N, C-alpha and C. Protein backbone atom coordinates (compact mmCIF):
# COMPACT_ATOMS: atom_id res chain seq x y z
N ILE A 1 0.85 -1.19 0.00
CA ILE A 1 0.00 0.00 0.00
C ILE A 1 0.89 1.24 0.00
N PHE A 2 0.59 2.18 -0.86
CA PHE A 2 1.29 3.46 -0.91
C PHE A 2 0.31 4.54 -0.44
N TYR A 3 0.78 5.37 0.49
CA TYR A 3 -0.04 6.46 1.00
C TYR A 3 0.49 7.79 0.50
N PHE A 4 -0.42 8.72 0.32
CA PHE A 4 -0.05 10.08 -0.06
C PHE A 4 -0.62 11.02 1.00
N ALA A 5 0.25 11.85 1.58
CA ALA A 5 -0.18 12.71 2.68
C ALA A 5 0.47 14.07 2.55
N ASP A 6 -0.13 15.08 3.18
CA ASP A 6 0.45 16.42 3.17
C ASP A 6 1.26 16.71 4.42
N ASP A 7 1.46 15.66 5.25
CA ASP A 7 2.30 15.77 6.43
C ASP A 7 2.68 14.36 6.86
N ASP A 8 3.73 14.22 7.64
CA ASP A 8 4.19 12.91 8.07
C ASP A 8 3.40 12.44 9.28
N LEU A 9 2.09 12.41 9.11
CA LEU A 9 1.19 11.98 10.18
C LEU A 9 0.14 11.05 9.58
N GLU A 10 -0.21 10.02 10.33
CA GLU A 10 -1.16 9.03 9.82
C GLU A 10 -2.51 9.67 9.53
N GLU A 11 -2.92 10.64 10.34
CA GLU A 11 -4.24 11.26 10.13
C GLU A 11 -4.26 12.22 8.95
N ARG A 12 -3.13 12.43 8.28
CA ARG A 12 -3.08 13.29 7.10
C ARG A 12 -2.93 12.49 5.81
N ARG A 13 -3.09 11.17 5.90
CA ARG A 13 -3.01 10.32 4.71
C ARG A 13 -4.34 10.38 3.96
N HIS A 14 -4.44 11.33 3.05
CA HIS A 14 -5.75 11.55 2.43
C HIS A 14 -6.02 10.64 1.23
N SER A 15 -4.99 9.98 0.66
CA SER A 15 -5.22 9.11 -0.48
C SER A 15 -4.17 8.00 -0.51
N PHE A 16 -4.44 6.97 -1.32
CA PHE A 16 -3.57 5.79 -1.34
C PHE A 16 -3.81 5.00 -2.63
N PHE A 17 -2.96 4.01 -2.86
CA PHE A 17 -3.25 3.01 -3.88
C PHE A 17 -2.62 1.68 -3.47
N ARG A 18 -3.26 0.59 -3.87
CA ARG A 18 -2.78 -0.74 -3.56
C ARG A 18 -2.16 -1.36 -4.82
N LEU A 19 -1.08 -2.07 -4.63
CA LEU A 19 -0.39 -2.70 -5.74
C LEU A 19 -0.08 -4.14 -5.36
N LYS A 20 -0.54 -5.09 -6.18
CA LYS A 20 -0.27 -6.50 -5.92
C LYS A 20 1.17 -6.84 -6.30
N ALA A 21 1.78 -7.73 -5.53
CA ALA A 21 3.18 -8.09 -5.76
C ALA A 21 3.38 -8.67 -7.16
N LYS A 22 2.44 -9.46 -7.63
CA LYS A 22 2.61 -10.10 -8.93
C LYS A 22 2.59 -9.08 -10.08
N ASP A 23 2.00 -7.91 -9.83
CA ASP A 23 1.92 -6.90 -10.88
C ASP A 23 3.22 -6.13 -11.07
N CYS A 24 4.11 -6.19 -10.09
CA CYS A 24 5.37 -5.47 -10.22
C CYS A 24 6.59 -6.38 -10.07
N LEU A 25 6.36 -7.71 -10.03
CA LEU A 25 7.45 -8.67 -9.88
C LEU A 25 8.28 -8.73 -11.16
N VAL A 26 9.59 -8.60 -11.02
CA VAL A 26 10.51 -8.67 -12.16
C VAL A 26 11.04 -10.09 -12.28
N THR A 27 10.72 -10.76 -13.38
CA THR A 27 11.16 -12.14 -13.58
C THR A 27 12.50 -12.22 -14.32
N ASP A 28 12.85 -11.17 -15.04
CA ASP A 28 14.12 -11.13 -15.76
C ASP A 28 14.85 -9.85 -15.39
N SER A 29 15.85 -9.97 -14.52
CA SER A 29 16.55 -8.78 -14.03
C SER A 29 17.41 -8.12 -15.10
N ASN A 30 17.65 -8.83 -16.21
CA ASN A 30 18.45 -8.26 -17.30
C ASN A 30 17.61 -7.50 -18.32
N ALA A 31 16.31 -7.62 -18.21
CA ALA A 31 15.42 -6.94 -19.14
C ALA A 31 15.43 -5.44 -18.85
N PRO A 32 15.24 -4.62 -19.87
CA PRO A 32 15.19 -3.17 -19.62
C PRO A 32 14.02 -2.81 -18.73
N PRO A 33 14.17 -1.82 -17.89
CA PRO A 33 13.08 -1.45 -16.97
C PRO A 33 11.87 -0.92 -17.74
N PRO A 34 10.68 -1.16 -17.22
CA PRO A 34 9.49 -0.64 -17.89
C PRO A 34 9.40 0.87 -17.78
N LYS A 35 8.60 1.44 -18.62
CA LYS A 35 8.40 2.88 -18.58
C LYS A 35 7.56 3.25 -17.35
N PRO A 36 7.75 4.44 -16.78
CA PRO A 36 6.89 4.88 -15.67
C PRO A 36 5.44 4.95 -16.13
N SER A 37 4.55 4.74 -15.22
CA SER A 37 3.13 4.77 -15.55
C SER A 37 2.39 5.70 -14.59
N LEU A 38 1.20 6.09 -15.00
CA LEU A 38 0.37 6.97 -14.19
C LEU A 38 -0.51 6.13 -13.28
N ILE A 39 -0.35 6.33 -11.97
CA ILE A 39 -1.08 5.54 -10.98
C ILE A 39 -2.15 6.41 -10.34
N LYS A 40 -3.37 5.94 -10.41
CA LYS A 40 -4.50 6.71 -9.87
C LYS A 40 -4.65 6.45 -8.38
N LEU A 41 -4.70 7.53 -7.61
CA LEU A 41 -4.89 7.41 -6.16
C LEU A 41 -6.37 7.31 -5.82
N LYS A 42 -6.63 6.70 -4.66
CA LYS A 42 -7.99 6.61 -4.14
C LYS A 42 -8.08 7.35 -2.82
N GLU A 43 -9.20 7.99 -2.60
CA GLU A 43 -9.40 8.73 -1.35
C GLU A 43 -9.56 7.78 -0.18
N ASP A 44 -8.93 8.11 0.94
CA ASP A 44 -9.16 7.38 2.18
C ASP A 44 -10.44 7.95 2.81
N ARG A 45 -11.54 7.27 2.56
CA ARG A 45 -12.84 7.80 2.99
C ARG A 45 -13.03 7.75 4.50
N SER A 46 -12.21 6.98 5.19
CA SER A 46 -12.32 6.95 6.66
C SER A 46 -11.86 8.28 7.26
N LEU A 47 -10.99 9.02 6.54
CA LEU A 47 -10.52 10.32 7.03
C LEU A 47 -11.28 11.47 6.37
N ASP A 48 -11.73 11.26 5.13
CA ASP A 48 -12.55 12.24 4.43
C ASP A 48 -11.89 13.63 4.41
N LEU A 49 -10.65 13.67 3.88
CA LEU A 49 -9.90 14.93 3.84
C LEU A 49 -9.99 15.64 2.49
N ILE A 50 -10.64 15.01 1.52
CA ILE A 50 -10.74 15.58 0.18
C ILE A 50 -12.18 15.98 -0.07
N SER A 51 -12.39 17.19 -0.54
CA SER A 51 -13.75 17.66 -0.81
C SER A 51 -14.34 16.88 -1.97
N ASP A 52 -15.67 16.88 -2.05
CA ASP A 52 -16.36 16.05 -3.04
C ASP A 52 -16.04 16.43 -4.48
N ASP A 53 -15.71 17.68 -4.72
CA ASP A 53 -15.46 18.10 -6.10
C ASP A 53 -13.97 18.15 -6.45
N GLU A 54 -13.13 17.49 -5.61
CA GLU A 54 -11.71 17.39 -5.90
C GLU A 54 -11.34 15.93 -6.16
N PHE A 55 -10.23 15.73 -6.89
CA PHE A 55 -9.75 14.40 -7.19
C PHE A 55 -8.56 14.05 -6.31
N PRO A 56 -8.43 12.78 -5.90
CA PRO A 56 -7.30 12.38 -5.05
C PRO A 56 -5.95 12.58 -5.73
N GLY A 57 -5.92 12.53 -7.06
CA GLY A 57 -4.68 12.79 -7.77
C GLY A 57 -4.04 11.53 -8.34
N PHE A 58 -2.83 11.71 -8.89
CA PHE A 58 -2.11 10.64 -9.55
C PHE A 58 -0.64 10.69 -9.13
N ILE A 59 0.04 9.56 -9.26
CA ILE A 59 1.49 9.47 -9.09
C ILE A 59 2.07 8.88 -10.37
N PHE A 60 3.12 9.50 -10.86
CA PHE A 60 3.83 9.00 -12.04
C PHE A 60 5.07 8.28 -11.55
N ALA A 61 5.07 6.95 -11.65
CA ALA A 61 6.14 6.19 -11.02
C ALA A 61 6.35 4.85 -11.73
N ARG A 62 7.51 4.25 -11.42
CA ARG A 62 7.82 2.88 -11.85
C ARG A 62 8.11 2.07 -10.59
N VAL A 63 7.36 1.00 -10.38
CA VAL A 63 7.49 0.17 -9.19
C VAL A 63 7.93 -1.22 -9.63
N GLN A 64 9.04 -1.70 -9.05
CA GLN A 64 9.58 -3.01 -9.41
C GLN A 64 9.87 -3.81 -8.14
N LEU A 65 9.57 -5.10 -8.19
CA LEU A 65 9.83 -6.02 -7.08
C LEU A 65 10.80 -7.10 -7.57
N PHE A 66 11.97 -7.19 -6.94
CA PHE A 66 12.99 -8.15 -7.35
C PHE A 66 13.09 -9.28 -6.33
N SER A 67 13.29 -10.48 -6.83
CA SER A 67 13.59 -11.62 -5.95
C SER A 67 15.05 -11.99 -6.16
N GLY A 68 15.75 -12.29 -5.08
CA GLY A 68 17.16 -12.60 -5.20
C GLY A 68 17.99 -11.33 -5.29
N VAL A 69 19.04 -11.37 -6.10
CA VAL A 69 19.95 -10.23 -6.24
C VAL A 69 19.37 -9.24 -7.24
N ALA A 70 19.18 -8.03 -6.79
CA ALA A 70 18.62 -6.99 -7.66
C ALA A 70 19.75 -6.20 -8.31
N PRO A 71 19.56 -5.75 -9.55
CA PRO A 71 20.58 -4.94 -10.20
C PRO A 71 20.69 -3.57 -9.54
N ASP A 72 21.76 -2.88 -9.86
CA ASP A 72 21.93 -1.53 -9.33
C ASP A 72 20.77 -0.65 -9.79
N PRO A 73 20.27 0.20 -8.93
CA PRO A 73 19.13 1.05 -9.32
C PRO A 73 19.51 2.01 -10.45
N GLN A 74 18.55 2.22 -11.30
CA GLN A 74 18.77 3.13 -12.42
C GLN A 74 18.82 4.57 -11.92
N VAL A 75 19.77 5.32 -12.43
CA VAL A 75 19.90 6.72 -12.04
C VAL A 75 18.79 7.52 -12.72
N ILE A 76 18.04 8.24 -11.92
CA ILE A 76 16.96 9.07 -12.43
C ILE A 76 17.39 10.52 -12.40
N GLU A 77 17.51 11.10 -13.54
CA GLU A 77 17.91 12.50 -13.62
C GLU A 77 16.67 13.39 -13.60
N LYS A 78 16.71 14.36 -12.73
CA LYS A 78 15.59 15.27 -12.62
C LYS A 78 15.63 16.27 -13.77
N GLU A 79 14.54 16.31 -14.50
CA GLU A 79 14.44 17.22 -15.63
C GLU A 79 13.31 18.21 -15.40
N LYS A 80 13.51 19.39 -15.88
CA LYS A 80 12.45 20.38 -15.83
C LYS A 80 11.75 20.40 -17.18
N PRO A 81 10.46 20.02 -17.21
CA PRO A 81 9.78 19.92 -18.51
C PRO A 81 9.62 21.27 -19.18
N GLN A 82 9.81 21.26 -20.47
CA GLN A 82 9.55 22.45 -21.26
C GLN A 82 8.05 22.53 -21.53
N LYS A 83 7.50 23.69 -21.30
CA LYS A 83 6.06 23.86 -21.51
C LYS A 83 5.77 24.59 -22.81
N GLU A 84 4.65 24.23 -23.40
CA GLU A 84 4.21 24.86 -24.63
C GLU A 84 2.78 25.33 -24.47
N SER A 85 2.41 26.31 -25.28
CA SER A 85 1.07 26.89 -25.20
C SER A 85 0.10 26.11 -26.09
N TYR A 86 -1.06 25.87 -25.54
CA TYR A 86 -2.11 25.17 -26.27
C TYR A 86 -3.44 25.88 -26.05
N GLU A 87 -4.36 25.63 -26.95
CA GLU A 87 -5.75 26.03 -26.75
C GLU A 87 -6.57 24.76 -26.57
N LEU A 88 -7.14 24.61 -25.40
CA LEU A 88 -7.99 23.46 -25.10
C LEU A 88 -9.43 23.81 -25.46
N ARG A 89 -10.04 22.98 -26.27
CA ARG A 89 -11.44 23.17 -26.64
C ARG A 89 -12.26 21.99 -26.17
N VAL A 90 -13.31 22.25 -25.45
CA VAL A 90 -14.24 21.22 -25.01
C VAL A 90 -15.56 21.48 -25.71
N HIS A 91 -15.93 20.60 -26.62
CA HIS A 91 -17.20 20.73 -27.34
C HIS A 91 -18.27 20.02 -26.51
N LEU A 92 -19.02 20.81 -25.80
CA LEU A 92 -20.01 20.28 -24.86
C LEU A 92 -21.37 20.20 -25.55
N TYR A 93 -21.89 19.00 -25.69
CA TYR A 93 -23.13 18.81 -26.43
C TYR A 93 -24.36 18.74 -25.51
N MET A 94 -24.51 17.65 -24.80
CA MET A 94 -25.74 17.48 -24.01
C MET A 94 -25.52 16.49 -22.89
N GLY A 95 -26.50 16.43 -21.99
CA GLY A 95 -26.51 15.44 -20.93
C GLY A 95 -27.81 14.66 -21.00
N ARG A 96 -27.81 13.46 -20.45
CA ARG A 96 -28.99 12.61 -20.50
C ARG A 96 -29.24 11.96 -19.16
N ASP A 97 -30.52 11.97 -18.74
CA ASP A 97 -30.98 11.27 -17.54
C ASP A 97 -30.17 11.64 -16.30
N LEU A 98 -29.98 12.93 -16.08
CA LEU A 98 -29.28 13.38 -14.89
C LEU A 98 -30.15 13.17 -13.65
N PRO A 99 -29.56 13.01 -12.48
CA PRO A 99 -30.36 12.84 -11.27
C PRO A 99 -31.05 14.14 -10.88
N PRO A 100 -32.28 14.08 -10.39
CA PRO A 100 -32.95 15.31 -9.94
C PRO A 100 -32.24 15.90 -8.74
N ALA A 101 -32.16 17.22 -8.70
CA ALA A 101 -31.46 17.90 -7.61
C ALA A 101 -32.32 18.97 -6.95
N ASP A 102 -33.52 19.19 -7.46
CA ASP A 102 -34.42 20.19 -6.89
C ASP A 102 -35.68 19.52 -6.36
N GLU A 103 -36.43 20.25 -5.55
CA GLU A 103 -37.68 19.73 -5.02
C GLU A 103 -38.69 19.46 -6.13
N GLN A 104 -38.56 20.16 -7.25
CA GLN A 104 -39.47 19.96 -8.37
C GLN A 104 -39.13 18.74 -9.21
N GLY A 105 -38.05 18.03 -8.86
CA GLY A 105 -37.66 16.84 -9.60
C GLY A 105 -36.83 17.13 -10.82
N THR A 106 -36.26 18.33 -10.92
CA THR A 106 -35.41 18.70 -12.05
C THR A 106 -34.05 19.14 -11.52
N SER A 107 -33.25 19.76 -12.37
CA SER A 107 -31.97 20.32 -11.97
C SER A 107 -31.64 21.49 -12.87
N ASP A 108 -30.65 22.26 -12.48
CA ASP A 108 -30.16 23.39 -13.28
C ASP A 108 -28.67 23.16 -13.54
N PRO A 109 -28.34 22.24 -14.44
CA PRO A 109 -26.96 21.78 -14.57
C PRO A 109 -26.04 22.73 -15.32
N PHE A 110 -24.77 22.70 -14.92
CA PHE A 110 -23.70 23.35 -15.67
C PHE A 110 -22.42 22.58 -15.43
N VAL A 111 -21.42 22.81 -16.27
CA VAL A 111 -20.17 22.06 -16.22
C VAL A 111 -19.01 23.01 -16.00
N ILE A 112 -18.07 22.61 -15.15
CA ILE A 112 -16.81 23.33 -14.97
C ILE A 112 -15.68 22.43 -15.47
N VAL A 113 -14.83 22.98 -16.32
CA VAL A 113 -13.66 22.26 -16.84
C VAL A 113 -12.41 22.87 -16.24
N ARG A 114 -11.51 22.02 -15.73
CA ARG A 114 -10.25 22.48 -15.15
C ARG A 114 -9.09 21.79 -15.87
N CYS A 115 -8.08 22.55 -16.19
CA CYS A 115 -6.88 21.98 -16.80
C CYS A 115 -5.71 22.92 -16.57
N ALA A 116 -4.62 22.39 -16.03
CA ALA A 116 -3.38 23.14 -15.83
C ALA A 116 -3.62 24.45 -15.08
N GLY A 117 -4.47 24.40 -14.07
CA GLY A 117 -4.72 25.57 -13.25
C GLY A 117 -5.71 26.57 -13.84
N GLN A 118 -6.25 26.28 -15.01
CA GLN A 118 -7.22 27.17 -15.65
C GLN A 118 -8.62 26.57 -15.53
N ILE A 119 -9.62 27.45 -15.48
CA ILE A 119 -11.00 27.02 -15.28
C ILE A 119 -11.90 27.73 -16.28
N VAL A 120 -12.88 27.00 -16.82
CA VAL A 120 -13.90 27.59 -17.68
C VAL A 120 -15.24 26.95 -17.32
N LYS A 121 -16.31 27.74 -17.42
CA LYS A 121 -17.64 27.27 -17.03
C LYS A 121 -18.58 27.31 -18.22
N SER A 122 -19.48 26.35 -18.25
CA SER A 122 -20.53 26.35 -19.27
C SER A 122 -21.68 27.23 -18.82
N SER A 123 -22.64 27.41 -19.68
CA SER A 123 -23.86 28.10 -19.29
C SER A 123 -24.72 27.19 -18.41
N ILE A 124 -25.61 27.78 -17.66
CA ILE A 124 -26.55 27.04 -16.80
C ILE A 124 -27.83 26.78 -17.58
N ILE A 125 -28.24 25.51 -17.65
CA ILE A 125 -29.48 25.15 -18.34
C ILE A 125 -30.55 24.92 -17.27
N PRO A 126 -31.57 25.75 -17.20
CA PRO A 126 -32.53 25.67 -16.09
C PRO A 126 -33.55 24.54 -16.25
N GLN A 127 -33.89 23.94 -15.13
CA GLN A 127 -35.02 23.02 -14.96
C GLN A 127 -35.07 21.93 -16.02
N THR A 128 -34.06 21.07 -15.99
CA THR A 128 -34.03 19.96 -16.94
C THR A 128 -33.15 18.84 -16.41
N LEU A 129 -33.46 17.62 -16.82
CA LEU A 129 -32.61 16.47 -16.56
C LEU A 129 -31.90 16.02 -17.82
N ASN A 130 -32.21 16.68 -18.93
CA ASN A 130 -31.60 16.36 -20.22
C ASN A 130 -31.11 17.65 -20.87
N PRO A 131 -30.07 18.27 -20.32
CA PRO A 131 -29.63 19.57 -20.82
C PRO A 131 -29.00 19.48 -22.21
N GLN A 132 -29.16 20.55 -22.97
CA GLN A 132 -28.52 20.67 -24.27
C GLN A 132 -27.72 21.98 -24.27
N TRP A 133 -26.41 21.84 -24.28
CA TRP A 133 -25.54 23.02 -24.27
C TRP A 133 -25.15 23.45 -25.68
N PHE A 134 -24.58 22.54 -26.43
CA PHE A 134 -24.10 22.82 -27.78
C PHE A 134 -23.26 24.11 -27.80
N GLU A 135 -22.23 24.08 -26.98
CA GLU A 135 -21.31 25.21 -26.91
C GLU A 135 -19.88 24.71 -26.81
N THR A 136 -18.96 25.56 -27.16
CA THR A 136 -17.53 25.24 -27.12
C THR A 136 -16.86 26.05 -26.02
N LEU A 137 -16.24 25.35 -25.09
CA LEU A 137 -15.51 25.98 -24.00
C LEU A 137 -14.03 26.00 -24.36
N LYS A 138 -13.38 27.13 -24.16
CA LYS A 138 -11.98 27.28 -24.55
C LYS A 138 -11.13 27.68 -23.35
N LEU A 139 -9.92 27.10 -23.31
CA LEU A 139 -8.95 27.42 -22.27
C LEU A 139 -7.57 27.59 -22.91
N GLN A 140 -6.85 28.61 -22.48
CA GLN A 140 -5.46 28.78 -22.88
C GLN A 140 -4.60 28.15 -21.78
N VAL A 141 -3.87 27.08 -22.12
CA VAL A 141 -3.14 26.32 -21.10
C VAL A 141 -1.67 26.17 -21.49
N GLU A 142 -0.84 26.02 -20.47
CA GLU A 142 0.58 25.71 -20.65
C GLU A 142 0.79 24.28 -20.19
N LEU A 143 1.20 23.39 -21.11
CA LEU A 143 1.35 21.98 -20.80
C LEU A 143 2.78 21.53 -21.06
N PRO A 144 3.25 20.55 -20.26
CA PRO A 144 4.60 20.02 -20.50
C PRO A 144 4.64 19.22 -21.79
N GLU A 145 5.83 19.06 -22.32
CA GLU A 145 5.99 18.29 -23.55
C GLU A 145 5.51 16.87 -23.35
N PHE A 146 5.01 16.27 -24.42
CA PHE A 146 4.48 14.92 -24.35
C PHE A 146 5.62 13.92 -24.62
N ASN A 147 6.13 13.28 -23.57
CA ASN A 147 7.08 12.20 -23.73
C ASN A 147 6.99 11.29 -22.51
N ASP A 148 7.77 10.20 -22.55
CA ASP A 148 7.65 9.18 -21.50
C ASP A 148 8.32 9.58 -20.19
N ASN A 149 9.02 10.71 -20.17
CA ASN A 149 9.72 11.12 -18.96
C ASN A 149 8.88 11.97 -18.02
N PHE A 150 7.73 12.41 -18.50
CA PHE A 150 6.89 13.28 -17.69
C PHE A 150 5.47 12.73 -17.62
N ALA A 151 4.81 13.00 -16.52
CA ALA A 151 3.42 12.57 -16.37
C ALA A 151 2.54 13.30 -17.37
N PRO A 152 1.65 12.58 -18.05
CA PRO A 152 0.78 13.25 -19.02
C PRO A 152 -0.20 14.18 -18.31
N PRO A 153 -0.53 15.31 -18.92
CA PRO A 153 -1.50 16.21 -18.31
C PRO A 153 -2.91 15.65 -18.38
N GLY A 154 -3.79 16.24 -17.63
CA GLY A 154 -5.17 15.78 -17.64
C GLY A 154 -6.12 16.94 -17.44
N LEU A 155 -7.39 16.66 -17.60
CA LEU A 155 -8.41 17.67 -17.37
C LEU A 155 -9.56 17.04 -16.61
N SER A 156 -10.22 17.83 -15.80
CA SER A 156 -11.38 17.36 -15.05
C SER A 156 -12.62 18.08 -15.54
N MET A 157 -13.71 17.34 -15.62
CA MET A 157 -15.01 17.90 -15.98
C MET A 157 -15.96 17.59 -14.82
N ILE A 158 -16.51 18.64 -14.23
CA ILE A 158 -17.34 18.48 -13.04
C ILE A 158 -18.73 19.04 -13.33
N LEU A 159 -19.73 18.24 -13.06
CA LEU A 159 -21.13 18.62 -13.30
C LEU A 159 -21.78 19.07 -12.00
N TYR A 160 -22.38 20.24 -12.03
CA TYR A 160 -23.05 20.80 -10.85
C TYR A 160 -24.51 21.13 -11.15
N ASP A 161 -25.28 21.20 -10.07
CA ASP A 161 -26.62 21.78 -10.11
C ASP A 161 -26.54 23.16 -9.49
N SER A 162 -27.04 24.16 -10.20
CA SER A 162 -27.01 25.52 -9.70
C SER A 162 -28.20 25.78 -8.79
N ASP A 163 -27.91 26.29 -7.59
CA ASP A 163 -28.97 26.71 -6.69
C ASP A 163 -29.29 28.19 -6.85
N ASP A 164 -28.26 28.97 -7.07
CA ASP A 164 -28.43 30.41 -7.29
C ASP A 164 -27.17 30.93 -7.96
N GLY A 165 -27.10 30.78 -9.28
CA GLY A 165 -25.90 31.18 -10.00
C GLY A 165 -24.80 30.15 -9.86
N TYR A 166 -23.55 30.57 -10.13
CA TYR A 166 -22.43 29.64 -10.12
C TYR A 166 -21.88 29.39 -8.72
N ASP A 167 -22.06 30.31 -7.81
CA ASP A 167 -21.44 30.18 -6.49
C ASP A 167 -22.16 29.19 -5.59
N LYS A 168 -23.49 29.17 -5.62
CA LYS A 168 -24.26 28.22 -4.83
C LYS A 168 -24.61 27.03 -5.71
N ARG A 169 -24.01 25.88 -5.40
CA ARG A 169 -24.14 24.74 -6.31
C ARG A 169 -24.02 23.44 -5.54
N ASP A 170 -24.51 22.37 -6.14
CA ASP A 170 -24.41 21.02 -5.59
C ASP A 170 -23.73 20.12 -6.61
N LEU A 171 -22.83 19.29 -6.13
CA LEU A 171 -22.12 18.37 -7.01
C LEU A 171 -23.06 17.29 -7.52
N MET A 172 -22.98 17.02 -8.86
CA MET A 172 -23.80 15.97 -9.47
C MET A 172 -22.94 14.84 -10.04
N GLY A 173 -21.77 15.15 -10.53
CA GLY A 173 -20.92 14.12 -11.11
C GLY A 173 -19.58 14.72 -11.53
N ARG A 174 -18.61 13.86 -11.80
CA ARG A 174 -17.28 14.34 -12.18
C ARG A 174 -16.56 13.27 -12.99
N SER A 175 -15.61 13.71 -13.78
CA SER A 175 -14.82 12.79 -14.58
C SER A 175 -13.43 13.40 -14.79
N PHE A 176 -12.43 12.53 -14.89
CA PHE A 176 -11.06 12.98 -15.14
C PHE A 176 -10.54 12.29 -16.38
N LEU A 177 -9.93 13.04 -17.28
CA LEU A 177 -9.43 12.51 -18.53
C LEU A 177 -7.94 12.80 -18.66
N VAL A 178 -7.19 11.78 -19.02
CA VAL A 178 -5.76 11.95 -19.28
C VAL A 178 -5.58 12.33 -20.74
N ILE A 179 -4.80 13.37 -20.98
CA ILE A 179 -4.55 13.83 -22.34
C ILE A 179 -3.37 13.08 -22.91
N LYS A 180 -3.58 12.39 -24.01
CA LYS A 180 -2.52 11.60 -24.62
C LYS A 180 -2.08 12.23 -25.94
N ASN A 181 -0.90 11.86 -26.36
CA ASN A 181 -0.30 12.51 -27.52
C ASN A 181 -0.59 11.79 -28.83
N LYS A 182 -1.85 11.61 -29.13
CA LYS A 182 -2.23 11.12 -30.44
C LYS A 182 -2.25 12.30 -31.40
N LYS A 183 -1.35 12.28 -32.35
CA LYS A 183 -1.19 13.42 -33.23
C LYS A 183 -2.11 13.29 -34.45
N ILE A 184 -2.83 14.35 -34.73
CA ILE A 184 -3.75 14.36 -35.85
C ILE A 184 -3.54 15.63 -36.64
N THR A 185 -3.58 15.49 -37.93
CA THR A 185 -3.52 16.68 -38.77
C THR A 185 -4.92 17.26 -38.88
N TYR A 186 -5.09 18.46 -38.41
CA TYR A 186 -6.40 19.11 -38.38
C TYR A 186 -6.34 20.36 -39.24
N LYS A 187 -7.24 20.47 -40.20
CA LYS A 187 -7.20 21.58 -41.15
C LYS A 187 -8.50 22.38 -41.07
N PRO A 188 -8.56 23.36 -40.18
CA PRO A 188 -9.74 24.23 -40.15
C PRO A 188 -9.76 25.10 -41.38
N ARG A 189 -10.93 25.60 -41.71
CA ARG A 189 -11.07 26.44 -42.88
C ARG A 189 -10.24 27.71 -42.74
N GLY A 190 -9.49 27.99 -43.77
CA GLY A 190 -8.73 29.23 -43.79
C GLY A 190 -7.54 29.26 -42.86
N ALA A 191 -7.10 28.08 -42.37
CA ALA A 191 -5.98 28.04 -41.44
C ALA A 191 -4.97 27.01 -41.92
N SER A 192 -3.76 27.14 -41.45
CA SER A 192 -2.72 26.20 -41.84
C SER A 192 -2.80 24.94 -40.98
N THR A 193 -2.04 23.92 -41.36
CA THR A 193 -2.04 22.65 -40.65
C THR A 193 -1.44 22.82 -39.26
N CYS A 194 -2.05 22.16 -38.27
CA CYS A 194 -1.52 22.19 -36.91
C CYS A 194 -1.69 20.81 -36.31
N LEU A 195 -1.14 20.62 -35.13
CA LEU A 195 -1.24 19.34 -34.45
C LEU A 195 -2.45 19.34 -33.53
N LEU A 196 -3.16 18.24 -33.52
CA LEU A 196 -4.33 18.09 -32.67
C LEU A 196 -4.08 16.95 -31.70
N TYR A 197 -4.15 17.24 -30.41
CA TYR A 197 -3.98 16.21 -29.40
C TYR A 197 -5.35 15.87 -28.83
N THR A 198 -5.65 14.57 -28.75
CA THR A 198 -6.94 14.16 -28.23
C THR A 198 -6.76 13.37 -26.95
N SER A 199 -7.81 13.26 -26.19
CA SER A 199 -7.78 12.43 -24.99
C SER A 199 -8.07 10.99 -25.38
N ASP A 200 -7.95 10.10 -24.40
CA ASP A 200 -8.21 8.69 -24.67
C ASP A 200 -9.70 8.42 -24.78
N ALA A 201 -10.54 9.45 -24.71
CA ALA A 201 -11.97 9.25 -24.90
C ALA A 201 -12.34 9.23 -26.37
N ALA A 202 -11.40 9.57 -27.25
CA ALA A 202 -11.68 9.57 -28.68
C ALA A 202 -11.87 8.14 -29.17
N ASP A 203 -12.87 7.94 -30.03
CA ASP A 203 -13.14 6.61 -30.55
C ASP A 203 -12.18 6.23 -31.67
N ASP A 204 -11.67 7.20 -32.40
CA ASP A 204 -10.76 6.92 -33.49
C ASP A 204 -9.90 8.14 -33.73
N LEU A 205 -9.12 8.13 -34.79
CA LEU A 205 -8.20 9.22 -35.07
C LEU A 205 -8.76 10.20 -36.09
N LEU A 206 -10.03 10.12 -36.37
CA LEU A 206 -10.63 11.00 -37.36
C LEU A 206 -11.37 12.16 -36.74
N CYS A 207 -11.91 11.94 -35.57
CA CYS A 207 -12.66 13.01 -34.92
C CYS A 207 -12.64 12.79 -33.42
N VAL A 208 -13.08 13.80 -32.71
CA VAL A 208 -13.22 13.69 -31.26
C VAL A 208 -14.68 13.95 -30.95
N ASP A 209 -15.39 12.92 -30.53
CA ASP A 209 -16.82 13.04 -30.30
C ASP A 209 -17.12 12.63 -28.87
N LEU A 210 -18.36 12.67 -28.49
CA LEU A 210 -18.79 12.24 -27.17
C LEU A 210 -18.01 12.93 -26.06
N GLY A 211 -18.02 14.22 -26.09
CA GLY A 211 -17.30 14.99 -25.09
C GLY A 211 -16.36 15.97 -25.77
N GLY A 212 -15.86 15.60 -26.91
CA GLY A 212 -15.16 16.48 -27.82
C GLY A 212 -14.04 17.31 -27.22
N ARG A 213 -13.03 16.68 -26.66
CA ARG A 213 -11.92 17.45 -26.15
C ARG A 213 -10.88 17.63 -27.22
N ARG A 214 -10.51 18.83 -27.53
CA ARG A 214 -9.48 19.11 -28.50
C ARG A 214 -8.42 20.00 -27.89
N ILE A 215 -7.19 19.64 -28.11
CA ILE A 215 -6.10 20.51 -27.69
C ILE A 215 -5.28 20.82 -28.93
N ILE A 216 -5.27 22.05 -29.33
CA ILE A 216 -4.58 22.48 -30.54
C ILE A 216 -3.29 23.17 -30.14
N LYS A 217 -2.20 22.64 -30.64
CA LYS A 217 -0.90 23.20 -30.32
C LYS A 217 -0.71 24.50 -31.06
N LYS A 218 -0.36 25.54 -30.31
CA LYS A 218 -0.15 26.84 -30.92
C LYS A 218 1.25 26.96 -31.45
N LYS A 219 1.38 27.65 -32.58
CA LYS A 219 2.69 27.89 -33.17
C LYS A 219 3.29 29.17 -32.63
């Protein structure tokens, strides 16, 4: 079990993850080490230190278990990732069969998107369980380069019910998406070719649908 805490105290262990020995056992010590992977943390609900609209987070690590004589540990050089400017576009279409959040049996849903410290909000759709937004949310973000040495960036999409504007709200649902470096040539009308990065929610390499996250690399 790996714990993540904001202090060296047991009562500050707000998240953790479990790893089975067989999943990290090295059977061939001469084989090259695997690439680091993104490990999703889980909230320790017995302590309840994370608010409902926050995520426990991720750890980017390589975990290996050796039996017998282990080779010398690989030297890990600390690198400072180079960041590049992107425009993140979230094509928000609609919601279906949302849970009722008001006494009238409806809700007033809206979505907040967070990425790299930036936040954008959708419009509020009043009194419905099947909202239709059909709007594009845009964020200007600075992201690290996409390679195996750095943790991939991600974005969170959080669904709220509005009680009175954006400030008074109730959590309805949330999702976290890892942005992967699938490169696509995207040719908008009247513009030159650029790189399009999609999340792993894309069904294929031709379009980004069902949530429509687009990250266009700026030149």
